[in-house]
PDB file of N, CA and C in Angstrom:
ATOM      1  N   MET A   1     225.332  -7.636 -50.639  1.00  0.00           N
ATOM      2  CA  MET A   1     225.702  -8.663 -51.228  1.00  0.00           C
ATOM      3  C   MET A   1     227.083  -8.764 -51.120  1.00  0.00           C
ATOM      4  N   MET A   2     227.731  -9.746 -51.059  1.00  0.00           N
ATOM      5  CA  MET A   2     229.158 -10.092 -50.856  1.00  0.00           C
ATOM      6  C   MET A   2     229.519 -11.260 -51.336  1.00  0.00           C
ATOM      7  N   GLY A   3     230.857 -11.256 -52.026  1.00  0.00           N
ATOM      8  CA  GLY A   3     231.491 -12.385 -52.600  1.00  0.00           C
ATOM      9  C   GLY A   3     231.834 -13.174 -51.715  1.00  0.00           C
ATOM     10  N   GLN A   4     232.080 -14.426 -52.009  1.00  0.00           N
ATOM     11  CA  GLN A   4     233.078 -15.569 -51.346  1.00  0.00           C
ATOM     12  C   GLN A   4     234.595 -15.250 -51.216  1.00  0.00           C
ATOM     13  N   GLY A   5     235.206 -14.341 -51.313  1.00  0.00           N
ATOM     14  CA  GLY A   5     236.533 -14.168 -51.551  1.00  0.00           C
ATOM     15  C   GLY A   5     237.482 -13.910 -50.459  1.00  0.00           C
ATOM     16  N   TYR A   6     238.426 -13.214 -50.392  1.00  0.00           N
ATOM     17  CA  TYR A   6     239.252 -13.135 -49.170  1.00  0.00           C
ATOM     18  C   TYR A   6     238.699 -12.157 -48.117  1.00  0.00           C
ATOM     19  N   VAL A   7     237.731 -11.608 -48.185  1.00  0.00           N
ATOM     20  CA  VAL A   7     236.867 -10.910 -47.151  1.00  0.00           C
ATOM     21  C   VAL A   7     235.419 -11.402 -46.973  1.00  0.00           C
ATOM     22  N   GLY A   8     235.004 -12.019 -47.895  1.00  0.00           N
ATOM     23  CA  GLY A   8     233.421 -12.358 -47.701  1.00  0.00           C
ATOM     24  C   GLY A   8     233.739 -14.013 -47.228  1.00  0.00           C
ATOM     25  N   LEU A   9     234.610 -14.968 -47.580  1.00  0.00           N
ATOM     26  CA  LEU A   9     234.494 -16.021 -46.809  1.00  0.00           C
ATOM     27  C   LEU A   9     234.900 -16.053 -45.531  1.00  0.00           C
ATOM     28  N   PRO A  10     235.904 -15.331 -45.227  1.00  0.00           N
ATOM     29  CA  PRO A  10     235.965 -15.526 -43.546  1.00  0.00           C
ATOM     30  C   PRO A  10     234.872 -14.713 -42.748  1.00  0.00           C
ATOM     31  N   LEU A  11     234.274 -13.715 -43.166  1.00  0.00           N
ATOM     32  CA  LEU A  11     233.288 -13.429 -42.746  1.00  0.00           C
ATOM     33  C   LEU A  11     231.934 -13.837 -42.539  1.00  0.00           C
ATOM     34  N   ALA A  12     231.805 -14.789 -43.896  1.00  0.00           N
ATOM     35  CA  ALA A  12     230.939 -15.719 -43.857  1.00  0.00           C
ATOM     36  C   ALA A  12     231.191 -17.051 -42.536  1.00  0.00           C
ATOM     37  N   MET A  13     232.216 -17.205 -42.383  1.00  0.00           N
ATOM     38  CA  MET A  13     232.703 -18.386 -41.463  1.00  0.00           C
ATOM     39  C   MET A  13     232.567 -17.942 -39.946  1.00  0.00           C
ATOM     40  N   ARG A  14     232.696 -16.682 -39.991  1.00  0.00           N
ATOM     41  CA  ARG A  14     232.757 -15.966 -38.618  1.00  0.00           C
ATOM     42  C   ARG A  14     231.123 -15.857 -38.188  1.00  0.00           C
ATOM     43  N   ALA A  15     230.376 -15.816 -39.280  1.00  0.00           N
ATOM     44  CA  ALA A  15     228.753 -15.759 -39.091  1.00  0.00           C
ATOM     45  C   ALA A  15     228.571 -17.080 -38.480  1.00  0.00           C
ATOM     46  N   VAL A  16     229.022 -18.145 -39.300  1.00  0.00           N
ATOM     47  CA  VAL A  16     228.619 -19.629 -38.944  1.00  0.00           C
ATOM     48  C   VAL A  16     229.076 -19.798 -37.520  1.00  0.00           C
ATOM     49  N   GLU A  17     230.205 -19.418 -37.139  1.00  0.00           N
ATOM     50  CA  GLU A  17     230.887 -19.568 -35.576  1.00  0.00           C
ATOM     51  C   GLU A  17     229.989 -19.114 -34.725  1.00  0.00           C
ATOM     52  N   VAL A  18     229.516 -17.743 -35.045  1.00  0.00           N
ATOM     53  CA  VAL A  18     228.427 -17.168 -33.563  1.00  0.00           C
ATOM     54  C   VAL A  18     227.408 -17.484 -33.881  1.00  0.00           C
ATOM     55  N   GLY A  19     226.579 -18.738 -34.617  1.00  0.00           N
ATOM     56  CA  GLY A  19     225.452 -19.405 -34.862  1.00  0.00           C
ATOM     57  C   GLY A  19     224.598 -19.214 -35.800  1.00  0.00           C
ATOM     58  N   HIS A  20     224.743 -18.225 -37.018  1.00  0.00           N
ATOM     59  CA  HIS A  20     223.935 -18.058 -38.000  1.00  0.00           C
ATOM     60  C   HIS A  20     224.126 -18.725 -39.202  1.00  0.00           C
ATOM     61  N   THR A  21     223.172 -19.145 -40.034  1.00  0.00           N
ATOM     62  CA  THR A  21     223.074 -19.883 -40.956  1.00  0.00           C
ATOM     63  C   THR A  21     223.469 -19.092 -42.372  1.00  0.00           C
ATOM     64  N   VAL A  22     224.454 -19.534 -43.069  1.00  0.00           N
ATOM     65  CA  VAL A  22     224.928 -18.449 -44.032  1.00  0.00           C
ATOM     66  C   VAL A  22     224.370 -19.215 -45.205  1.00  0.00           C
ATOM     67  N   VAL A  23     224.103 -18.131 -46.490  1.00  0.00           N
ATOM     68  CA  VAL A  23     224.309 -18.606 -47.849  1.00  0.00           C
ATOM     69  C   VAL A  23     225.057 -17.710 -48.411  1.00  0.00           C
ATOM     70  N   GLY A  24     226.325 -18.091 -48.903  1.00  0.00           N
ATOM     71  CA  GLY A  24     227.413 -17.421 -49.514  1.00  0.00           C
ATOM     72  C   GLY A  24     227.241 -17.242 -50.766  1.00  0.00           C
ATOM     73  N   PHE A  25     227.245 -16.089 -51.307  1.00  0.00           N
ATOM     74  CA  PHE A  25     226.888 -15.693 -52.791  1.00  0.00           C
ATOM     75  C   PHE A  25     228.286 -15.440 -53.490  1.00  0.00           C
ATOM     76  N   ASP A  26     228.538 -15.768 -54.501  1.00  0.00           N
ATOM     77  CA  ASP A  26     229.583 -15.666 -55.629  1.00  0.00           C
ATOM     78  C   ASP A  26     229.109 -15.661 -56.984  1.00  0.00           C
ATOM     79  N   THR A  27     229.315 -14.799 -58.061  1.00  0.00           N
ATOM     80  CA  THR A  27     228.951 -14.845 -59.268  1.00  0.00           C
ATOM     81  C   THR A  27     230.212 -15.798 -59.862  1.00  0.00           C
ATOM     82  N   ASP A  28     231.135 -16.311 -59.408  1.00  0.00           N
ATOM     83  CA  ASP A  28     232.049 -17.239 -60.192  1.00  0.00           C
ATOM     84  C   ASP A  28     231.869 -18.818 -59.641  1.00  0.00           C
ATOM     85  N   GLY A  29     231.222 -19.489 -60.791  1.00  0.00           N
ATOM     86  CA  GLY A  29     230.758 -20.595 -60.599  1.00  0.00           C
ATOM     87  C   GLY A  29     231.758 -21.680 -60.231  1.00  0.00           C
ATOM     88  N   ALA A  30     232.917 -21.772 -60.678  1.00  0.00           N
ATOM     89  CA  ALA A  30     233.846 -22.327 -60.187  1.00  0.00           C
ATOM     90  C   ALA A  30     234.689 -22.255 -58.806  1.00  0.00           C
ATOM     91  N   ARG A  31     234.332 -20.990 -58.250  1.00  0.00           N
ATOM     92  CA  ARG A  31     234.526 -21.001 -56.961  1.00  0.00           C
ATOM     93  C   ARG A  31     233.457 -21.678 -56.061  1.00  0.00           C
ATOM     94  N   VAL A  32     232.241 -21.467 -56.324  1.00  0.00           N
ATOM     95  CA  VAL A  32     231.147 -22.087 -55.762  1.00  0.00           C
ATOM     96  C   VAL A  32     231.142 -23.440 -55.341  1.00  0.00           C
ATOM     97  N   LYS A  33     231.482 -23.990 -56.897  1.00  0.00           N
ATOM     98  CA  LYS A  33     231.756 -25.482 -56.981  1.00  0.00           C
ATOM     99  C   LYS A  33     232.824 -25.925 -56.087  1.00  0.00           C
ATOM    100  N   ALA A  34     234.012 -25.205 -55.885  1.00  0.00           N
ATOM    101  CA  ALA A  34     235.025 -25.681 -54.860  1.00  0.00           C
ATOM    102  C   ALA A  34     234.684 -25.518 -53.428  1.00  0.00           C
ATOM    103  N   LEU A  35     233.832 -24.675 -53.447  1.00  0.00           N
ATOM    104  CA  LEU A  35     233.328 -24.267 -51.762  1.00  0.00           C
ATOM    105  C   LEU A  35     232.506 -25.239 -51.410  1.00  0.00           C
ATOM    106  N   SER A  36     231.631 -25.629 -52.395  1.00  0.00           N
ATOM    107  CA  SER A  36     230.620 -26.647 -52.092  1.00  0.00           C
ATOM    108  C   SER A  36     231.175 -28.031 -51.869  1.00  0.00           C
ATOM    109  N   SER A  37     232.300 -28.299 -52.297  1.00  0.00           N
ATOM    110  CA  SER A  37     233.210 -29.561 -51.948  1.00  0.00           C
ATOM    111  C   SER A  37     233.987 -29.606 -51.007  1.00  0.00           C
ATOM    112  N   GLY A  38     233.948 -28.372 -50.066  1.00  0.00           N
ATOM    113  CA  GLY A  38     234.757 -28.098 -48.805  1.00  0.00           C
ATOM    114  C   GLY A  38     235.874 -27.577 -49.241  1.00  0.00           C
ATOM    115  N   GLU A  39     236.573 -26.955 -49.983  1.00  0.00           N
ATOM    116  CA  GLU A  39     237.753 -26.640 -50.682  1.00  0.00           C
ATOM    117  C   GLU A  39     237.826 -25.064 -50.147  1.00  0.00           C
ATOM    118  N   SER A  40     238.609 -24.635 -49.465  1.00  0.00           N
ATOM    119  CA  SER A  40     238.927 -23.418 -49.308  1.00  0.00           C
ATOM    120  C   SER A  40     240.196 -22.969 -50.169  1.00  0.00           C
ATOM    121  N   TYR A  41     240.034 -21.741 -50.909  1.00  0.00           N
ATOM    122  CA  TYR A  41     241.495 -21.340 -51.181  1.00  0.00           C
ATOM    123  C   TYR A  41     241.796 -20.002 -50.640  1.00  0.00           C
ATOM    124  N   VAL A  42     241.163 -19.574 -49.429  1.00  0.00           N
ATOM    125  CA  VAL A  42     241.503 -18.594 -48.790  1.00  0.00           C
ATOM    126  C   VAL A  42     242.322 -19.003 -47.449  1.00  0.00           C
ATOM    127  N   GLU A  43     243.627 -18.529 -47.389  1.00  0.00           N
ATOM    128  CA  GLU A  43     244.258 -18.678 -46.173  1.00  0.00           C
ATOM    129  C   GLU A  43     243.520 -18.713 -44.971  1.00  0.00           C
ATOM    130  N   ASP A  44     242.616 -17.715 -44.577  1.00  0.00           N
ATOM    131  CA  ASP A  44     242.152 -17.790 -43.320  1.00  0.00           C
ATOM    132  C   ASP A  44     241.192 -18.666 -42.955  1.00  0.00           C
ATOM    133  N   VAL A  45     240.750 -19.440 -43.924  1.00  0.00           N
ATOM    134  CA  VAL A  45     239.844 -20.345 -43.745  1.00  0.00           C
ATOM    135  C   VAL A  45     240.190 -21.685 -43.948  1.00  0.00           C
ATOM    136  N   ALA A  46     240.121 -22.498 -43.072  1.00  0.00           N
ATOM    137  CA  ALA A  46     240.768 -23.720 -43.302  1.00  0.00           C
ATOM    138  C   ALA A  46     239.568 -24.519 -44.123  1.00  0.00           C
ATOM    139  N   SER A  47     239.894 -25.679 -44.739  1.00  0.00           N
ATOM    140  CA  SER A  47     239.183 -26.427 -45.595  1.00  0.00           C
ATOM    141  C   SER A  47     238.322 -27.458 -44.610  1.00  0.00           C
ATOM    142  N   SER A  48     238.890 -27.812 -43.425  1.00  0.00           N
ATOM    143  CA  SER A  48     238.124 -28.433 -42.396  1.00  0.00           C
ATOM    144  C   SER A  48     237.148 -27.771 -41.982  1.00  0.00           C
ATOM    145  N   ALA A  49     237.326 -26.739 -41.608  1.00  0.00           N
ATOM    146  CA  ALA A  49     236.079 -25.712 -41.053  1.00  0.00           C
ATOM    147  C   ALA A  49     235.053 -25.534 -41.833  1.00  0.00           C
ATOM    148  N   LEU A  50     235.357 -25.378 -43.424  1.00  0.00           N
ATOM    149  CA  LEU A  50     234.504 -25.065 -44.376  1.00  0.00           C
ATOM    150  C   LEU A  50     233.597 -26.269 -44.550  1.00  0.00           C
ATOM    151  N   ALA A  51     234.520 -27.601 -44.607  1.00  0.00           N
ATOM    152  CA  ALA A  51     233.625 -28.921 -44.693  1.00  0.00           C
ATOM    153  C   ALA A  51     232.763 -28.847 -43.648  1.00  0.00           C
ATOM    154  N   ALA A  52     233.144 -28.702 -42.496  1.00  0.00           N
ATOM    155  CA  ALA A  52     232.292 -28.972 -41.293  1.00  0.00           C
ATOM    156  C   ALA A  52     231.099 -28.016 -41.317  1.00  0.00           C
ATOM    157  N   SER A  53     231.085 -26.787 -41.671  1.00  0.00           N
ATOM    158  CA  SER A  53     229.932 -26.143 -41.763  1.00  0.00           C
ATOM    159  C   SER A  53     228.995 -26.262 -42.925  1.00  0.00           C
ATOM    160  N   LEU A  54     229.557 -27.362 -43.824  1.00  0.00           N
ATOM    161  CA  LEU A  54     228.507 -27.559 -44.875  1.00  0.00           C
ATOM    162  C   LEU A  54     227.860 -28.835 -44.465  1.00  0.00           C
ATOM    163  N   ARG A  55     228.692 -29.582 -43.746  1.00  0.00           N
ATOM    164  CA  ARG A  55     227.986 -30.795 -43.176  1.00  0.00           C
ATOM    165  C   ARG A  55     227.017 -30.542 -42.265  1.00  0.00           C
ATOM    166  N   ALA A  56     227.076 -29.388 -41.361  1.00  0.00           N
ATOM    167  CA  ALA A  56     226.186 -29.307 -40.621  1.00  0.00           C
ATOM    168  C   ALA A  56     224.965 -28.412 -40.930  1.00  0.00           C
ATOM    169  N   GLY A  57     225.126 -27.940 -42.487  1.00  0.00           N
ATOM    170  CA  GLY A  57     224.174 -27.264 -42.904  1.00  0.00           C
ATOM    171  C   GLY A  57     223.870 -25.852 -42.505  1.00  0.00           C
ATOM    172  N   SER A  58     224.881 -25.111 -41.895  1.00  0.00           N
ATOM    173  CA  SER A  58     225.264 -23.675 -41.647  1.00  0.00           C
ATOM    174  C   SER A  58     225.524 -23.021 -42.720  1.00  0.00           C
ATOM    175  N   TYR A  59     226.127 -23.775 -43.713  1.00  0.00           N
ATOM    176  CA  TYR A  59     226.948 -22.689 -44.580  1.00  0.00           C
ATOM    177  C   TYR A  59     226.321 -23.452 -46.051  1.00  0.00           C
ATOM    178  N   ARG A  60     225.916 -22.581 -47.049  1.00  0.00           N
ATOM    179  CA  ARG A  60     225.664 -22.945 -48.250  1.00  0.00           C
ATOM    180  C   ARG A  60     226.080 -21.938 -49.213  1.00  0.00           C
ATOM    181  N   PRO A  61     227.268 -22.170 -49.944  1.00  0.00           N
ATOM    182  CA  PRO A  61     227.594 -21.505 -51.308  1.00  0.00           C
ATOM    183  C   PRO A  61     226.533 -21.383 -52.398  1.00  0.00           C
ATOM    184  N   THR A  62     226.254 -20.320 -53.128  1.00  0.00           N
ATOM    185  CA  THR A  62     225.577 -20.288 -54.289  1.00  0.00           C
ATOM    186  C   THR A  62     225.960 -19.449 -55.271  1.00  0.00           C
ATOM    187  N   THR A  63     225.508 -19.375 -56.505  1.00  0.00           N
ATOM    188  CA  THR A  63     225.532 -18.383 -57.534  1.00  0.00           C
ATOM    189  C   THR A  63     224.122 -17.784 -57.939  1.00  0.00           C
ATOM    190  N   LEU A  64     223.199 -18.095 -57.394  1.00  0.00           N
ATOM    191  CA  LEU A  64     221.753 -17.940 -57.451  1.00  0.00           C
ATOM    192  C   LEU A  64     221.382 -16.586 -56.481  1.00  0.00           C
ATOM    193  N   GLU A  65     221.021 -15.735 -57.040  1.00  0.00           N
ATOM    194  CA  GLU A  65     220.602 -14.396 -56.321  1.00  0.00           C
ATOM    195  C   GLU A  65     219.605 -14.844 -55.420  1.00  0.00           C
ATOM    196  N   ALA A  66     218.400 -15.742 -56.192  1.00  0.00           N
ATOM    197  CA  ALA A  66     217.218 -15.942 -55.630  1.00  0.00           C
ATOM    198  C   ALA A  66     217.343 -16.756 -54.335  1.00  0.00           C
ATOM    199  N   ASP A  67     218.501 -17.259 -53.944  1.00  0.00           N
ATOM    200  CA  ASP A  67     218.524 -18.046 -52.481  1.00  0.00           C
ATOM    201  C   ASP A  67     218.974 -16.863 -51.823  1.00  0.00           C
ATOM    202  N   LEU A  68     219.152 -15.585 -52.084  1.00  0.00           N
ATOM    203  CA  LEU A  68     219.223 -14.799 -50.885  1.00  0.00           C
ATOM    204  C   LEU A  68     218.072 -14.307 -50.544  1.00  0.00           C
ATOM    205  N   GLU A  69     216.785 -14.437 -51.224  1.00  0.00           N
ATOM    206  CA  GLU A  69     215.608 -13.920 -50.751  1.00  0.00           C
ATOM    207  C   GLU A  69     215.323 -14.668 -49.203  1.00  0.00           C
ATOM    208  N   GLY A  70     214.723 -13.311 -48.495  1.00  0.00           N
ATOM    209  CA  GLY A  70     214.216 -13.691 -47.329  1.00  0.00           C
ATOM    210  C   GLY A  70     215.044 -13.332 -46.040  1.00  0.00           C
ATOM    211  N   PHE A  71     216.372 -12.905 -46.515  1.00  0.00           N
ATOM    212  CA  PHE A  71     217.441 -13.031 -45.267  1.00  0.00           C
ATOM    213  C   PHE A  71     217.096 -11.541 -44.759  1.00  0.00           C
ATOM    214  N   GLU A  72     217.669 -11.283 -43.377  1.00  0.00           N
ATOM    215  CA  GLU A  72     217.509 -10.393 -42.555  1.00  0.00           C
ATOM    216  C   GLU A  72     218.838  -9.400 -42.492  1.00  0.00           C
ATOM    217  N   VAL A  73     219.812 -10.397 -42.534  1.00  0.00           N
ATOM    218  CA  VAL A  73     221.484  -9.704 -42.655  1.00  0.00           C
ATOM    219  C   VAL A  73     221.997  -9.999 -43.675  1.00  0.00           C
TER     220      VAL A  73
END
């Protein structure tokens, strides 16, 4: 499990770029809310790229551990 901070979010976006569907887990509800609306606070991740991955359904941020069930990676 990895949060969606300065390491986790760029890693999640890279996984999306190479074709994975990603559920980004973080315990910070405010951070997940911002990410869910397409707002990146990480310099290495453009808000436009984040928003595109949300629209495509390839990235979904969450605070719920139950959303992580069934993943292989």
